[in-house]
Amino acid sequence: LYYDGANFNAILGKVRPGDMGFDVVHLNLHKTFATPHGGGGPGAGPLV
């Protein structure tokens, strides 16, 4: 079960993908974790 982390903002700190049964999660640090993002970068998509 793969979790696309594009909308991780909505559940951050409330519920965890691993607890839902997900095996793989990618996170968009450039969205959720404090980087103004636009125009194609820079980005970061770590995989958990």
All heavy atoms as atom14 arrays in JSON, in Angstrom:
{
  "sequence": "LYYDGANFNAILGKVRPGDMGFDVVHLNLHKTFATPHGGGGPGAGPLV",
  "atom14_mask": [
    [1, 1, 1, 1, 1, 1, 1, 1, 0, 0, 0, 0, 0, 0],
    [1, 1, 1, 1, 1, 1, 1, 1, 1, 1, 1, 1, 0, 0],
    [1, 1, 1, 1, 1, 1, 1, 1, 1, 1, 1, 1, 0, 0],
    [1, 1, 1, 1, 1, 1, 1, 1, 0, 0, 0, 0, 0, 0],
    [1, 1, 1, 1, 0, 0, 0, 0, 0, 0, 0, 0, 0, 0],
    [1, 1, 1, 1, 1, 0, 0, 0, 0, 0, 0, 0, 0, 0],
    [1, 1, 1, 1, 1, 1, 1, 1, 0, 0, 0, 0, 0, 0],
    [1, 1, 1, 1, 1, 1, 1, 1, 1, 1, 1, 0, 0, 0],
    [1, 1, 1, 1, 1, 1, 1, 1, 0, 0, 0, 0, 0, 0],
    [1, 1, 1, 1, 1, 0, 0, 0, 0, 0, 0, 0, 0, 0],
    [1, 1, 1, 1, 1, 1, 1, 1, 0, 0, 0, 0, 0, 0],
    [1, 1, 1, 1, 1, 1, 1, 1, 0, 0, 0, 0, 0, 0],
    [1, 1, 1, 1, 0, 0, 0, 0, 0, 0, 0, 0, 0, 0],
    [1, 1, 1, 1, 1, 1, 1, 1, 1, 0, 0, 0, 0, 0],
    [1, 1, 1, 1, 1, 1, 1, 0, 0, 0, 0, 0, 0, 0],
    [1, 1, 1, 1, 1, 1, 1, 1, 1, 1, 1, 0, 0, 0],
    [1, 1, 1, 1, 1, 1, 1, 0, 0, 0, 0, 0, 0, 0],
    [1, 1, 1, 1, 0, 0, 0, 0, 0, 0, 0, 0, 0, 0],
    [1, 1, 1, 1, 1, 1, 1, 1, 0, 0, 0, 0, 0, 0],
    [1, 1, 1, 1, 1, 1, 1, 1, 0, 0, 0, 0, 0, 0],
    [1, 1, 1, 1, 0, 0, 0, 0, 0, 0, 0, 0, 0, 0],
    [1, 1, 1, 1, 1, 1, 1, 1, 1, 1, 1, 0, 0, 0],
    [1, 1, 1, 1, 1, 1, 1, 1, 0, 0, 0, 0, 0, 0],
    [1, 1, 1, 1, 1, 1, 1, 0, 0, 0, 0, 0, 0, 0],
    [1, 1, 1, 1, 1, 1, 1, 0, 0, 0, 0, 0, 0, 0],
    [1, 1, 1, 1, 1, 1, 1, 1, 1, 1, 0, 0, 0, 0],
    [1, 1, 1, 1, 1, 1, 1, 1, 0, 0, 0, 0, 0, 0],
    [1, 1, 1, 1, 1, 1, 1, 1, 0, 0, 0, 0, 0, 0],
    [1, 1, 1, 1, 1, 1, 1, 1, 0, 0, 0, 0, 0, 0],
    [1, 1, 1, 1, 1, 1, 1, 1, 1, 1, 0, 0, 0, 0],
    [1, 1, 1, 1, 1, 1, 1, 1, 1, 0, 0, 0, 0, 0],
    [1, 1, 1, 1, 1, 1, 1, 0, 0, 0, 0, 0, 0, 0],
    [1, 1, 1, 1, 1, 1, 1, 1, 1, 1, 1, 0, 0, 0],
    [1, 1, 1, 1, 1, 0, 0, 0, 0, 0, 0, 0, 0, 0],
    [1, 1, 1, 1, 1, 1, 1, 0, 0, 0, 0, 0, 0, 0],
    [1, 1, 1, 1, 1, 1, 1, 0, 0, 0, 0, 0, 0, 0],
    [1, 1, 1, 1, 1, 1, 1, 1, 1, 1, 0, 0, 0, 0],
    [1, 1, 1, 1, 0, 0, 0, 0, 0, 0, 0, 0, 0, 0],
    [1, 1, 1, 1, 0, 0, 0, 0, 0, 0, 0, 0, 0, 0],
    [1, 1, 1, 1, 0, 0, 0, 0, 0, 0, 0, 0, 0, 0],
    [1, 1, 1, 1, 0, 0, 0, 0, 0, 0, 0, 0, 0, 0],
    [1, 1, 1, 1, 1, 1, 1, 0, 0, 0, 0, 0, 0, 0],
    [1, 1, 1, 1, 0, 0, 0, 0, 0, 0, 0, 0, 0, 0],
    [1, 1, 1, 1, 1, 0, 0, 0, 0, 0, 0, 0, 0, 0],
    [1, 1, 1, 1, 0, 0, 0, 0, 0, 0, 0, 0, 0, 0],
    [1, 1, 1, 1, 1, 1, 1, 0, 0, 0, 0, 0, 0, 0],
    [1, 1, 1, 1, 1, 1, 1, 1, 0, 0, 0, 0, 0, 0],
    [1, 1, 1, 1, 1, 1, 1, 0, 0, 0, 0, 0, 0, 0]
  ],
  "atom14_positions": [
    [[0.85, -1.18, 0.0], [0.0, 0.0, 0.0], [0.88, 1.24, 0.0], [1.71, 1.43, 0.89], [-0.92, -0.01, 1.22], [-2.07, 1.0, 1.23], [-2.98, 0.8, 0.02], [-2.88, 0.88, 2.51], [0.0, 0.0, 0.0], [0.0, 0.0, 0.0], [0.0, 0.0, 0.0], [0.0, 0.0, 0.0], [0.0, 0.0, 0.0], [0.0, 0.0, 0.0]],
    [[0.73, 2.06, -1.04], [1.59, 3.22, -1.26], [0.82, 4.51, -0.95], [-0.27, 4.72, -1.47], [2.08, 3.25, -2.71], [3.06, 4.37, -2.99], [4.42, 4.12, -3.05], [2.61, 5.68, -3.19], [5.33, 5.14, -3.29], [3.5, 6.71, -3.42], [4.86, 6.43, -3.47], [5.74, 7.45, -3.7], [0.0, 0.0, 0.0], [0.0, 0.0, 0.0]],
    [[1.44, 5.37, -0.13], [0.82, 6.64, 0.24], [1.5, 7.79, -0.49], [2.68, 8.06, -0.29], [0.94, 6.86, 1.75], [0.24, 8.09, 2.28], [-1.06, 8.0, 2.78], [0.86, 9.33, 2.29], [-1.71, 9.12, 3.28], [0.21, 10.45, 2.77], [-1.08, 10.34, 3.27], [-1.72, 11.45, 3.75], [0.0, 0.0, 0.0], [0.0, 0.0, 0.0]],
    [[0.76, 8.46, -1.35], [1.23, 9.67, -2.01], [1.08, 10.82, -1.01], [-0.02, 11.17, -0.62], [0.39, 9.92, -3.27], [0.81, 11.17, -4.03], [1.26, 12.13, -3.4], [0.67, 11.17, -5.27], [0.0, 0.0, 0.0], [0.0, 0.0, 0.0], [0.0, 0.0, 0.0], [0.0, 0.0, 0.0], [0.0, 0.0, 0.0], [0.0, 0.0, 0.0]],
    [[2.21, 11.4, -0.58], [2.19, 12.38, 0.5], [1.85, 13.79, 0.1], [2.07, 14.72, 0.89], [0.0, 0.0, 0.0], [0.0, 0.0, 0.0], [0.0, 0.0, 0.0], [0.0, 0.0, 0.0], [0.0, 0.0, 0.0], [0.0, 0.0, 0.0], [0.0, 0.0, 0.0], [0.0, 0.0, 0.0], [0.0, 0.0, 0.0], [0.0, 0.0, 0.0]],
    [[1.29, 13.99, -1.09], [1.0, 15.35, -1.54], [0.05, 16.08, -0.59], [0.13, 17.3, -0.45], [0.42, 15.33, -2.95], [0.0, 0.0, 0.0], [0.0, 0.0, 0.0], [0.0, 0.0, 0.0], [0.0, 0.0, 0.0], [0.0, 0.0, 0.0], [0.0, 0.0, 0.0], [0.0, 0.0, 0.0], [0.0, 0.0, 0.0], [0.0, 0.0, 0.0]],
    [[-0.86, 15.34, 0.04], [-1.84, 15.97, 0.94], [-1.56, 15.65, 2.41], [-2.46, 15.66, 3.24], [-3.26, 15.49, 0.57], [-3.66, 15.93, -0.82], [-3.09, 16.86, -1.38], [-4.63, 15.26, -1.4], [0.0, 0.0, 0.0], [0.0, 0.0, 0.0], [0.0, 0.0, 0.0], [0.0, 0.0, 0.0], [0.0, 0.0, 0.0], [0.0, 0.0, 0.0]],
    [[-0.3, 15.39, 2.72], [0.07, 15.03, 4.09], [-0.21, 16.15, 5.08], [-0.42, 15.91, 6.27], [1.56, 14.65, 4.12], [2.01, 14.03, 5.4], [1.42, 12.87, 5.89], [3.05, 14.59, 6.13], [1.84, 12.29, 7.07], [3.48, 14.01, 7.31], [2.88, 12.85, 7.79], [0.0, 0.0, 0.0], [0.0, 0.0, 0.0], [0.0, 0.0, 0.0]],
    [[-0.23, 17.41, 4.58], [-0.57, 18.55, 5.45], [-1.83, 18.28, 6.26], [-1.93, 18.64, 7.43], [-0.82, 19.82, 4.63], [0.39, 20.31, 3.88], [1.18, 19.51, 3.39], [0.54, 21.61, 3.74], [0.0, 0.0, 0.0], [0.0, 0.0, 0.0], [0.0, 0.0, 0.0], [0.0, 0.0, 0.0], [0.0, 0.0, 0.0], [0.0, 0.0, 0.0]],
    [[-2.82, 17.66, 5.62], [-4.14, 17.55, 6.22], [-4.18, 16.61, 7.42], [-5.07, 16.73, 8.26], [-5.14, 17.08, 5.16], [0.0, 0.0, 0.0], [0.0, 0.0, 0.0], [0.0, 0.0, 0.0], [0.0, 0.0, 0.0], [0.0, 0.0, 0.0], [0.0, 0.0, 0.0], [0.0, 0.0, 0.0], [0.0, 0.0, 0.0], [0.0, 0.0, 0.0]],
    [[-3.24, 15.66, 7.51], [-3.29, 14.68, 8.6], [-2.09, 14.79, 9.54], [-2.03, 14.07, 10.53], [-3.37, 13.24, 8.07], [-2.08, 12.85, 7.32], [-4.59, 13.07, 7.17], [-2.0, 11.38, 7.02], [0.0, 0.0, 0.0], [0.0, 0.0, 0.0], [0.0, 0.0, 0.0], [0.0, 0.0, 0.0], [0.0, 0.0, 0.0], [0.0, 0.0, 0.0]],
    [[-1.16, 15.68, 9.23], [0.07, 15.78, 10.01], [-0.22, 16.0, 11.49], [-0.89, 16.95, 11.87], [0.92, 16.93, 9.46], [2.25, 17.19, 10.15], [3.16, 15.98, 10.03], [2.93, 18.41, 9.54], [0.0, 0.0, 0.0], [0.0, 0.0, 0.0], [0.0, 0.0, 0.0], [0.0, 0.0, 0.0], [0.0, 0.0, 0.0], [0.0, 0.0, 0.0]],
    [[0.29, 15.11, 12.32], [0.1, 15.22, 13.76], [-1.23, 14.69, 14.25], [-1.46, 14.64, 15.46], [0.0, 0.0, 0.0], [0.0, 0.0, 0.0], [0.0, 0.0, 0.0], [0.0, 0.0, 0.0], [0.0, 0.0, 0.0], [0.0, 0.0, 0.0], [0.0, 0.0, 0.0], [0.0, 0.0, 0.0], [0.0, 0.0, 0.0], [0.0, 0.0, 0.0]],
    [[-2.1, 14.27, 13.33], [-3.42, 13.75, 13.71], [-3.5, 12.23, 13.58], [-4.02, 11.55, 14.45], [-4.51, 14.39, 12.84], [-4.57, 15.91, 12.91], [-4.96, 16.4, 14.29], [-5.1, 17.92, 14.31], [-5.45, 18.42, 15.67], [0.0, 0.0, 0.0], [0.0, 0.0, 0.0], [0.0, 0.0, 0.0], [0.0, 0.0, 0.0], [0.0, 0.0, 0.0]],
    [[-2.99, 11.73, 12.47], [-3.01, 10.29, 12.21], [-1.81, 9.98, 11.34], [-1.31, 10.85, 10.63], [-4.33, 9.88, 11.53], [-4.46, 10.51, 10.17], [-4.46, 8.36, 11.44], [0.0, 0.0, 0.0], [0.0, 0.0, 0.0], [0.0, 0.0, 0.0], [0.0, 0.0, 0.0], [0.0, 0.0, 0.0], [0.0, 0.0, 0.0], [0.0, 0.0, 0.0]],
    [[-1.33, 8.72, 11.4], [-0.1, 8.36, 10.69], [-0.4, 7.31, 9.61], [-1.14, 6.35, 9.86], [0.94, 7.82, 11.66], [1.2, 8.75, 12.83], [2.37, 8.3, 13.69], [2.24, 6.93, 14.17], [3.18, 6.29, 14.88], [4.31, 6.93, 15.18], [2.99, 5.06, 15.29], [0.0, 0.0, 0.0], [0.0, 0.0, 0.0], [0.0, 0.0, 0.0]],
    [[0.19, 7.47, 8.43], [-0.04, 6.48, 7.37], [0.33, 5.06, 7.79], [-0.37, 4.11, 7.42], [0.87, 6.97, 6.23], [1.01, 8.45, 6.47], [1.0, 8.61, 7.95], [0.0, 0.0, 0.0], [0.0, 0.0, 0.0], [0.0, 0.0, 0.0], [0.0, 0.0, 0.0], [0.0, 0.0, 0.0], [0.0, 0.0, 0.0], [0.0, 0.0, 0.0]],
    [[1.41, 4.91, 8.55], [1.79, 3.57, 8.99], [0.71, 2.91, 9.82], [0.51, 1.68, 9.75], [0.0, 0.0, 0.0], [0.0, 0.0, 0.0], [0.0, 0.0, 0.0], [0.0, 0.0, 0.0], [0.0, 0.0, 0.0], [0.0, 0.0, 0.0], [0.0, 0.0, 0.0], [0.0, 0.0, 0.0], [0.0, 0.0, 0.0], [0.0, 0.0, 0.0]],
    [[0.0, 3.71, 10.61], [-1.08, 3.16, 11.43], [-2.3, 2.8, 10.6], [-3.14, 2.02, 11.04], [-1.47, 4.17, 12.52], [-0.33, 4.46, 13.47], [0.57, 3.59, 13.6], [-0.31, 5.56, 14.06], [0.0, 0.0, 0.0], [0.0, 0.0, 0.0], [0.0, 0.0, 0.0], [0.0, 0.0, 0.0], [0.0, 0.0, 0.0], [0.0, 0.0, 0.0]],
    [[-2.4, 3.4, 9.4], [-3.5, 3.05, 8.49], [-3.22, 1.78, 7.71], [-4.11, 1.23, 7.07], [-3.74, 4.18, 7.48], [-4.1, 5.53, 8.04], [-4.33, 6.68, 6.66], [-4.01, 8.24, 7.48], [0.0, 0.0, 0.0], [0.0, 0.0, 0.0], [0.0, 0.0, 0.0], [0.0, 0.0, 0.0], [0.0, 0.0, 0.0], [0.0, 0.0, 0.0]],
    [[-1.95, 1.32, 7.73], [-1.59, 0.12, 7.0], [-0.71, 0.35, 5.79], [-0.43, -0.59, 5.04], [0.0, 0.0, 0.0], [0.0, 0.0, 0.0], [0.0, 0.0, 0.0], [0.0, 0.0, 0.0], [0.0, 0.0, 0.0], [0.0, 0.0, 0.0], [0.0, 0.0, 0.0], [0.0, 0.0, 0.0], [0.0, 0.0, 0.0], [0.0, 0.0, 0.0]],
    [[-0.23, 1.6, 5.59], [0.61, 1.89, 4.44], [2.01, 1.32, 4.65], [2.55, 1.33, 5.76], [0.68, 3.39, 4.19], [-0.55, 3.96, 3.55], [-1.59, 4.46, 4.33], [-0.68, 3.97, 2.17], [-2.74, 4.97, 3.75], [-1.84, 4.48, 1.57], [-2.86, 4.98, 2.36], [0.0, 0.0, 0.0], [0.0, 0.0, 0.0], [0.0, 0.0, 0.0]],
    [[2.61, 0.86, 3.54], [3.96, 0.3, 3.57], [5.01, 1.28, 3.08], [6.17, 1.18, 3.48], [4.01, -0.95, 2.67], [2.98, -1.99, 3.07], [3.15, -2.61, 4.13], [2.01, -2.18, 2.31], [0.0, 0.0, 0.0], [0.0, 0.0, 0.0], [0.0, 0.0, 0.0], [0.0, 0.0, 0.0], [0.0, 0.0, 0.0], [0.0, 0.0, 0.0]],
    [[4.62, 2.19, 2.22], [5.55, 3.14, 1.61], [4.88, 4.51, 1.57], [3.7, 4.63, 1.21], [5.91, 2.72, 0.17], [6.9, 3.7, -0.45], [6.49, 1.31, 0.14], [0.0, 0.0, 0.0], [0.0, 0.0, 0.0], [0.0, 0.0, 0.0], [0.0, 0.0, 0.0], [0.0, 0.0, 0.0], [0.0, 0.0, 0.0], [0.0, 0.0, 0.0]],
    [[5.64, 5.54, 1.94], [5.13, 6.91, 1.95], [6.19, 7.82, 1.35], [7.35, 7.77, 1.76], [4.81, 7.39, 3.38], [4.43, 8.87, 3.38], [3.71, 6.57, 4.0], [0.0, 0.0, 0.0], [0.0, 0.0, 0.0], [0.0, 0.0, 0.0], [0.0, 0.0, 0.0], [0.0, 0.0, 0.0], [0.0, 0.0, 0.0], [0.0, 0.0, 0.0]],
    [[5.8, 8.65, 0.37], [6.72, 9.72, 0.0], [6.14, 11.03, 0.53], [4.92, 11.22, 0.56], [6.96, 9.78, -1.52], [6.02, 10.68, -2.27], [4.97, 10.2, -3.04], [5.95, 12.03, -2.37], [4.31, 11.22, -3.57], [4.88, 12.34, -3.18], [0.0, 0.0, 0.0], [0.0, 0.0, 0.0], [0.0, 0.0, 0.0], [0.0, 0.0, 0.0]],
    [[7.02, 11.9, 0.97], [6.62, 13.18, 1.54], [7.18, 14.32, 0.7], [8.33, 14.26, 0.26], [7.13, 13.31, 2.98], [6.62, 12.27, 3.96], [7.34, 12.42, 5.3], [5.11, 12.39, 4.15], [0.0, 0.0, 0.0], [0.0, 0.0, 0.0], [0.0, 0.0, 0.0], [0.0, 0.0, 0.0], [0.0, 0.0, 0.0], [0.0, 0.0, 0.0]],
    [[6.38, 15.33, 0.48], [6.83, 16.51, -0.25], [7.3, 17.55, 0.76], [6.52, 18.4, 1.21], [5.7, 17.08, -1.11], [5.18, 16.08, -2.12], [4.46, 15.16, -1.77], [5.54, 16.26, -3.37], [0.0, 0.0, 0.0], [0.0, 0.0, 0.0], [0.0, 0.0, 0.0], [0.0, 0.0, 0.0], [0.0, 0.0, 0.0], [0.0, 0.0, 0.0]],
    [[8.58, 17.49, 1.13], [9.07, 18.45, 2.12], [8.93, 19.87, 1.63], [8.77, 20.8, 2.42], [10.54, 18.16, 2.46], [10.87, 16.81, 3.09], [12.29, 16.81, 3.63], [9.89, 16.45, 4.2], [0.0, 0.0, 0.0], [0.0, 0.0, 0.0], [0.0, 0.0, 0.0], [0.0, 0.0, 0.0], [0.0, 0.0, 0.0], [0.0, 0.0, 0.0]],
    [[9.0, 20.06, 0.32], [8.87, 21.41, -0.23], [7.43, 21.91, -0.16], [7.19, 23.08, -0.42], [9.37, 21.45, -1.67], [8.7, 20.43, -2.56], [9.05, 19.1, -2.53], [7.75, 20.54, -3.49], [8.31, 18.44, -3.41], [7.51, 19.29, -3.99], [0.0, 0.0, 0.0], [0.0, 0.0, 0.0], [0.0, 0.0, 0.0], [0.0, 0.0, 0.0]],
    [[6.51, 21.05, 0.2], [5.13, 21.49, 0.43], [4.83, 21.57, 1.93], [4.42, 22.59, 2.45], [4.14, 20.52, -0.23], [4.16, 20.5, -1.74], [3.08, 19.57, -2.26], [3.06, 19.53, -3.77], [1.98, 18.68, -4.29], [0.0, 0.0, 0.0], [0.0, 0.0, 0.0], [0.0, 0.0, 0.0], [0.0, 0.0, 0.0], [0.0, 0.0, 0.0]],
    [[5.01, 20.45, 2.59], [4.57, 20.32, 3.98], [5.54, 20.92, 4.98], [5.13, 21.34, 6.06], [4.35, 18.83, 4.31], [3.47, 18.26, 3.35], [3.75, 18.66, 5.69], [0.0, 0.0, 0.0], [0.0, 0.0, 0.0], [0.0, 0.0, 0.0], [0.0, 0.0, 0.0], [0.0, 0.0, 0.0], [0.0, 0.0, 0.0], [0.0, 0.0, 0.0]],
    [[6.82, 20.96, 4.66], [7.81, 21.29, 5.67], [8.62, 22.55, 5.35], [9.84, 22.53, 5.27], [8.75, 20.1, 5.89], [8.04, 18.9, 6.46], [7.54, 17.92, 5.63], [7.86, 18.77, 7.83], [6.88, 16.81, 6.15], [7.2, 17.66, 8.36], [6.72, 16.69, 7.52], [0.0, 0.0, 0.0], [0.0, 0.0, 0.0], [0.0, 0.0, 0.0]],
    [[7.93, 23.66, 5.13], [8.54, 24.99, 5.19], [9.54, 25.33, 4.11], [10.64, 25.75, 4.41], [9.19, 25.21, 6.56], [0.0, 0.0, 0.0], [0.0, 0.0, 0.0], [0.0, 0.0, 0.0], [0.0, 0.0, 0.0], [0.0, 0.0, 0.0], [0.0, 0.0, 0.0], [0.0, 0.0, 0.0], [0.0, 0.0, 0.0], [0.0, 0.0, 0.0]],
    [[9.16, 25.19, 2.87], [9.93, 25.78, 1.79], [8.96, 26.43, 0.81], [8.14, 25.73, 0.23], [10.76, 24.73, 1.03], [11.7, 24.17, 1.93], [11.5, 25.36, -0.12], [0.0, 0.0, 0.0], [0.0, 0.0, 0.0], [0.0, 0.0, 0.0], [0.0, 0.0, 0.0], [0.0, 0.0, 0.0], [0.0, 0.0, 0.0], [0.0, 0.0, 0.0]],
    [[9.02, 27.74, 0.64], [8.18, 28.36, -0.39], [8.49, 27.71, -1.73], [9.64, 27.66, -2.15], [8.62, 29.83, -0.37], [9.21, 30.03, 0.98], [9.85, 28.72, 1.33], [0.0, 0.0, 0.0], [0.0, 0.0, 0.0], [0.0, 0.0, 0.0], [0.0, 0.0, 0.0], [0.0, 0.0, 0.0], [0.0, 0.0, 0.0], [0.0, 0.0, 0.0]],
    [[7.49, 27.17, -2.38], [7.72, 26.35, -3.57], [6.91, 26.88, -4.73], [5.72, 27.1, -4.63], [7.33, 24.9, -3.27], [7.46, 23.99, -4.46], [8.65, 23.82, -5.13], [6.57, 23.22, -5.1], [8.48, 22.97, -6.12], [7.21, 22.6, -6.12], [0.0, 0.0, 0.0], [0.0, 0.0, 0.0], [0.0, 0.0, 0.0], [0.0, 0.0, 0.0]],
    [[7.54, 27.06, -5.83], [6.84, 27.49, -7.02], [7.8, 27.54, -8.19], [9.01, 27.58, -8.03], [0.0, 0.0, 0.0], [0.0, 0.0, 0.0], [0.0, 0.0, 0.0], [0.0, 0.0, 0.0], [0.0, 0.0, 0.0], [0.0, 0.0, 0.0], [0.0, 0.0, 0.0], [0.0, 0.0, 0.0], [0.0, 0.0, 0.0], [0.0, 0.0, 0.0]],
    [[7.27, 27.49, -9.38], [8.11, 27.57, -10.56], [8.95, 26.34, -10.79], [9.94, 26.38, -11.52], [0.0, 0.0, 0.0], [0.0, 0.0, 0.0], [0.0, 0.0, 0.0], [0.0, 0.0, 0.0], [0.0, 0.0, 0.0], [0.0, 0.0, 0.0], [0.0, 0.0, 0.0], [0.0, 0.0, 0.0], [0.0, 0.0, 0.0], [0.0, 0.0, 0.0]],
    [[8.61, 25.22, -10.17], [9.3, 23.98, -10.47], [10.42, 23.6, -9.52], [11.16, 22.67, -9.79], [0.0, 0.0, 0.0], [0.0, 0.0, 0.0], [0.0, 0.0, 0.0], [0.0, 0.0, 0.0], [0.0, 0.0, 0.0], [0.0, 0.0, 0.0], [0.0, 0.0, 0.0], [0.0, 0.0, 0.0], [0.0, 0.0, 0.0], [0.0, 0.0, 0.0]],
    [[10.57, 24.27, -8.4], [11.63, 23.82, -7.49], [12.08, 24.92, -6.57], [11.59, 26.04, -6.65], [0.0, 0.0, 0.0], [0.0, 0.0, 0.0], [0.0, 0.0, 0.0], [0.0, 0.0, 0.0], [0.0, 0.0, 0.0], [0.0, 0.0, 0.0], [0.0, 0.0, 0.0], [0.0, 0.0, 0.0], [0.0, 0.0, 0.0], [0.0, 0.0, 0.0]],
    [[13.0, 24.61, -5.68], [13.57, 23.29, -5.45], [12.62, 22.39, -4.68], [11.72, 22.89, -4.01], [14.83, 23.59, -4.62], [14.45, 24.81, -3.84], [13.59, 25.63, -4.78], [0.0, 0.0, 0.0], [0.0, 0.0, 0.0], [0.0, 0.0, 0.0], [0.0, 0.0, 0.0], [0.0, 0.0, 0.0], [0.0, 0.0, 0.0], [0.0, 0.0, 0.0]],
    [[12.82, 21.11, -4.77], [11.93, 20.18, -4.1], [12.69, 19.14, -3.31], [13.91, 19.09, -3.33], [0.0, 0.0, 0.0], [0.0, 0.0, 0.0], [0.0, 0.0, 0.0], [0.0, 0.0, 0.0], [0.0, 0.0, 0.0], [0.0, 0.0, 0.0], [0.0, 0.0, 0.0], [0.0, 0.0, 0.0], [0.0, 0.0, 0.0], [0.0, 0.0, 0.0]],
    [[11.94, 18.34, -2.58], [12.5, 17.21, -1.84], [11.37, 16.2, -1.61], [10.32, 16.58, -1.1], [13.11, 17.64, -0.52], [0.0, 0.0, 0.0], [0.0, 0.0, 0.0], [0.0, 0.0, 0.0], [0.0, 0.0, 0.0], [0.0, 0.0, 0.0], [0.0, 0.0, 0.0], [0.0, 0.0, 0.0], [0.0, 0.0, 0.0], [0.0, 0.0, 0.0]],
    [[11.6, 14.95, -2.0], [10.56, 13.94, -1.87], [11.04, 12.7, -1.17], [11.03, 11.61, -1.76], [0.0, 0.0, 0.0], [0.0, 0.0, 0.0], [0.0, 0.0, 0.0], [0.0, 0.0, 0.0], [0.0, 0.0, 0.0], [0.0, 0.0, 0.0], [0.0, 0.0, 0.0], [0.0, 0.0, 0.0], [0.0, 0.0, 0.0], [0.0, 0.0, 0.0]],
    [[11.48, 12.82, 0.09], [12.0, 11.63, 0.79], [10.96, 10.52, 0.87], [9.75, 10.77, 0.89], [12.36, 12.15, 2.18], [11.55, 13.39, 2.35], [11.45, 13.99, 0.99], [0.0, 0.0, 0.0], [0.0, 0.0, 0.0], [0.0, 0.0, 0.0], [0.0, 0.0, 0.0], [0.0, 0.0, 0.0], [0.0, 0.0, 0.0], [0.0, 0.0, 0.0]],
    [[11.48, 9.31, 0.95], [10.63, 8.13, 0.99], [10.81, 7.44, 2.33], [11.94, 7.22, 2.77], [11.01, 7.17, -0.15], [10.0, 6.07, -0.43], [8.86, 6.62, -1.27], [10.66, 4.91, -1.15], [0.0, 0.0, 0.0], [0.0, 0.0, 0.0], [0.0, 0.0, 0.0], [0.0, 0.0, 0.0], [0.0, 0.0, 0.0], [0.0, 0.0, 0.0]],
    [[9.69, 7.1, 2.97], [9.71, 6.42, 4.27], [9.05, 5.06, 4.08], [8.0, 4.96, 3.43], [8.98, 7.24, 5.34], [9.34, 6.75, 6.74], [9.3, 8.73, 5.21], [0.0, 0.0, 0.0], [0.0, 0.0, 0.0], [0.0, 0.0, 0.0], [0.0, 0.0, 0.0], [0.0, 0.0, 0.0], [0.0, 0.0, 0.0], [0.0, 0.0, 0.0]]
  ]
}
